Amino acid sequence: MNIFTSRLDNIEIGSKKAFSVVPKDIKNIEGYIGNIKYLDAKLERVIDHAINHSDFISKAQKALLISKPLFTFLYPSNEKDFKNENKESKDSYYMYKDLYLHNLTVAFALGLWLVKDNAVNVNHSYHFNPLINYNSTYNRTLSFTLSSGEIKSTYYSENEINNSISLMYDIYSILLKNVDLLKISSS
């Protein structure tokens, strides 16, 4: 199983649940927005295990992943996942697959901004495949601020998150109109 997750910084979600997000054009994938403690117990254990058994991220990063809202996708492993390749080849393979998912996360952040001014950042993403003991981090330095220039958390109600998710799908379809999304499930 592959787990791709992006940390959502500077956001407070006023709901004690995980919001289901499924990319409409990608088969065999589950997606969630929220803290992992709000997932069903089995998914929480799988993700918590992957995070806490990663030798690639620091204790501080692990603590943030456990405590902050995340945008998380789970999708099945395929034959290519089990090929005996070096770390660099695996990084390139997963980065290509995860780019579509990261772009969906960015579309969600843009949807949040259309709902209300915020400084939500999605700069830290992680890929775990516990079946092959693979993990990697992807970091971007693209910091957003409030219109006042401040960086602080913004509160979103359940309704505002749902509106942002709806906007995310519209934004995503515009941004990726000509992209072959089948490559995630078939590569």
Protein backbone atom coordinates (compact mmCIF):
# COMPACT_ATOMS: atom_id res chain seq x y z
CA MET A 1 0.00 0.00 0.00
CA ASN A 2 1.18 3.49 -0.85
CA ILE A 3 0.48 6.42 1.43
CA PHE A 4 1.00 9.94 0.14
CA THR A 5 0.35 12.68 2.65
CA SER A 6 0.79 16.44 2.73
CA ARG A 7 0.85 18.43 5.93
CA LEU A 8 -1.62 21.32 6.07
CA ASP A 9 -0.01 24.14 8.03
CA ASN A 10 -1.79 27.21 9.44
CA ILE A 11 -5.27 25.70 9.42
CA GLU A 12 -7.70 24.77 12.19
CA ILE A 13 -10.56 22.52 11.19
CA GLY A 14 -13.61 22.87 13.41
CA SER A 15 -14.83 19.33 12.84
CA LYS A 16 -13.84 16.15 14.59
CA LYS A 17 -14.01 14.07 11.43
CA ALA A 18 -11.96 13.26 8.36
CA PHE A 19 -13.38 14.49 5.08
CA SER A 20 -13.38 11.97 2.24
CA VAL A 21 -11.74 13.16 -0.96
CA VAL A 22 -11.58 10.90 -3.98
CA PRO A 23 -10.03 12.16 -7.21
CA LYS A 24 -12.84 11.60 -9.69
CA ASP A 25 -10.62 10.37 -12.53
CA ILE A 26 -8.35 8.04 -10.55
CA LYS A 27 -9.44 4.53 -9.67
CA ASN A 28 -8.53 2.52 -6.55
CA ILE A 29 -7.60 5.43 -4.33
CA GLU A 30 -8.88 6.79 -1.03
CA GLY A 31 -8.28 10.34 0.12
CA TYR A 32 -8.89 12.16 3.39
CA ILE A 33 -8.51 15.64 4.81
CA GLY A 34 -8.09 15.98 8.56
CA ASN A 35 -6.14 14.65 11.48
CA ILE A 36 -5.42 10.92 11.31
CA LYS A 37 -7.02 10.41 14.72
CA TYR A 38 -10.39 11.03 13.03
CA LEU A 39 -9.98 8.19 10.52
CA ASP A 40 -11.39 4.76 11.23
CA ALA A 41 -9.14 2.79 13.58
CA LYS A 42 -7.62 0.51 10.93
CA LEU A 43 -6.55 3.38 8.63
CA GLU A 44 -5.26 5.36 11.60
CA ARG A 45 -3.06 2.41 12.66
CA VAL A 46 -1.71 1.90 9.12
CA ILE A 47 -0.79 5.57 8.68
CA ASP A 48 0.50 5.97 12.24
CA HIS A 49 2.70 2.86 11.78
CA ALA A 50 4.11 4.17 8.48
CA ILE A 51 4.92 7.55 10.03
CA ASN A 52 6.41 6.22 13.25
CA HIS A 53 8.52 3.53 11.57
CA SER A 54 10.04 5.90 9.04
CA ASP A 55 13.77 6.32 9.46
CA PHE A 56 13.70 9.20 7.02
CA ILE A 57 11.89 11.83 9.07
CA SER A 58 12.76 13.38 12.41
CA LYS A 59 10.86 12.94 15.68
CA ALA A 60 9.68 16.55 15.39
CA GLN A 61 8.30 15.94 11.87
CA LYS A 62 6.59 12.75 13.08
CA ALA A 63 4.96 14.67 15.94
CA LEU A 64 3.67 17.30 13.50
CA LEU A 65 2.25 14.65 11.18
CA ILE A 66 0.40 13.00 14.05
CA SER A 67 -0.97 16.29 15.42
CA LYS A 68 -1.75 18.43 12.34
CA PRO A 69 -4.42 18.15 9.68
CA LEU A 70 -3.19 16.19 6.68
CA PHE A 71 -4.29 15.63 3.12
CA THR A 72 -3.75 11.88 2.76
CA PHE A 73 -4.14 9.42 -0.11
CA LEU A 74 -3.91 5.65 0.05
CA TYR A 75 -3.56 3.54 -3.08
CA PRO A 76 -2.57 -0.07 -3.73
CA SER A 77 0.91 -1.22 -4.60
CA ASN A 78 1.52 -2.70 -8.01
CA GLU A 79 4.26 -4.83 -9.59
CA LYS A 80 6.57 -1.85 -10.17
CA ASP A 81 6.57 -1.09 -6.43
CA PHE A 82 8.26 -4.43 -5.79
CA LYS A 83 10.97 -4.16 -8.45
CA ASN A 84 14.41 -4.14 -6.94
CA GLU A 85 15.48 -0.60 -7.81
CA ASN A 86 17.68 1.88 -6.02
CA LYS A 87 16.29 4.70 -3.87
CA GLU A 88 16.85 7.31 -6.59
CA SER A 89 14.79 5.32 -9.12
CA LYS A 90 12.01 4.79 -6.58
CA ASP A 91 12.03 8.51 -5.68
CA SER A 92 11.63 9.45 -9.34
CA TYR A 93 8.86 6.89 -9.87
CA TYR A 94 6.84 7.98 -6.83
CA MET A 95 7.43 11.69 -7.42
CA TYR A 96 5.89 11.34 -10.87
CA LYS A 97 2.87 9.44 -9.50
CA ASP A 98 2.42 11.74 -6.51
CA LEU A 99 2.60 14.96 -8.53
CA TYR A 100 -1.06 14.58 -9.51
CA LEU A 101 -2.03 14.08 -5.88
CA HIS A 102 0.06 17.02 -4.72
CA ASN A 103 -1.62 19.19 -7.35
CA LEU A 104 -5.00 18.16 -5.93
CA THR A 105 -3.75 19.28 -2.52
CA VAL A 106 -2.71 22.63 -3.97
CA ALA A 107 -6.14 22.95 -5.62
CA PHE A 108 -7.68 22.37 -2.17
CA ALA A 109 -5.49 25.13 -0.69
CA LEU A 110 -6.66 27.46 -3.48
CA GLY A 111 -10.27 26.45 -2.73
CA LEU A 112 -9.67 27.36 0.93
CA TRP A 113 -8.40 30.78 -0.15
CA LEU A 114 -11.51 31.34 -2.30
CA VAL A 115 -13.64 30.64 0.77
CA LYS A 116 -11.64 33.01 3.02
CA ASP A 117 -8.29 34.73 3.34
CA ASN A 118 -5.68 32.41 4.85
CA ALA A 119 -2.01 31.51 5.12
CA VAL A 120 -2.46 27.75 4.62
CA ASN A 121 0.74 26.15 3.37
CA VAL A 122 1.29 22.74 1.85
CA ASN A 123 5.09 22.62 1.75
CA HIS A 124 5.79 19.20 3.28
CA SER A 125 4.71 15.98 1.62
CA TYR A 126 5.65 12.40 2.42
CA HIS A 127 5.39 9.08 0.63
CA PHE A 128 5.36 5.79 2.53
CA ASN A 129 5.13 2.23 1.27
CA PRO A 130 5.44 0.02 4.36
CA LEU A 131 5.34 -3.16 2.24
CA ILE A 132 8.78 -2.39 0.79
CA ASN A 133 10.04 -0.18 3.64
CA TYR A 134 10.12 2.88 1.37
CA ASN A 135 9.69 6.43 2.60
CA SER A 136 10.57 9.81 1.25
CA THR A 137 9.89 13.48 1.83
CA TYR A 138 9.16 16.24 -0.65
CA ASN A 139 9.54 19.82 0.46
CA ARG A 140 8.62 23.01 -1.35
CA THR A 141 9.32 26.50 -0.19
CA LEU A 142 6.25 28.42 -1.18
CA SER A 143 4.88 30.33 1.79
CA PHE A 144 1.51 32.01 1.64
CA THR A 145 0.44 34.80 3.96
CA LEU A 146 -2.81 36.47 4.85
CA SER A 147 -3.64 39.57 2.79
CA SER A 148 -2.22 41.57 5.73
CA GLY A 149 1.15 39.80 5.32
CA GLU A 150 0.74 37.81 8.54
CA ILE A 151 1.24 34.08 8.89
CA LYS A 152 -1.24 32.59 11.34
CA SER A 153 -3.79 29.79 11.51
CA THR A 154 -7.24 30.24 10.05
CA TYR A 155 -10.29 28.44 11.40
CA TYR A 156 -12.58 26.61 8.97
CA SER A 157 -15.98 25.19 9.85
CA GLU A 158 -17.20 21.87 8.47
CA ASN A 159 -19.32 23.74 5.92
CA GLU A 160 -16.34 25.86 4.79
CA ILE A 161 -14.21 22.71 4.36
CA ASN A 162 -16.95 21.11 2.28
CA ASN A 163 -17.19 24.26 0.12
CA SER A 164 -13.41 24.22 -0.33
CA ILE A 165 -13.52 20.56 -1.38
CA SER A 166 -16.20 21.35 -3.96
CA LEU A 167 -14.09 24.23 -5.30
CA MET A 168 -11.03 21.96 -5.29
CA TYR A 169 -12.67 19.58 -7.76
CA ASP A 170 -13.55 22.48 -10.09
CA ILE A 171 -10.05 23.98 -9.85
CA TYR A 172 -8.42 20.59 -10.34
CA SER A 173 -10.44 19.83 -13.47
CA ILE A 174 -9.41 23.17 -14.99
CA LEU A 175 -5.73 22.83 -14.06
CA LEU A 176 -5.37 19.27 -15.29
CA LYS A 177 -7.73 19.24 -18.25
CA ASN A 178 -5.26 17.57 -20.60
CA VAL A 179 -3.32 15.40 -18.17
CA ASP A 180 -3.56 11.63 -18.40
CA LEU A 181 -4.64 10.75 -14.85
CA LEU A 182 -4.71 7.06 -15.64
CA LYS A 183 -0.93 6.99 -15.22
CA ILE A 184 -1.30 6.89 -11.43
CA SER A 185 -3.24 3.65 -11.43
CA SER A 186 -1.47 2.02 -14.36
CA SER A 187 2.21 2.98 -13.91
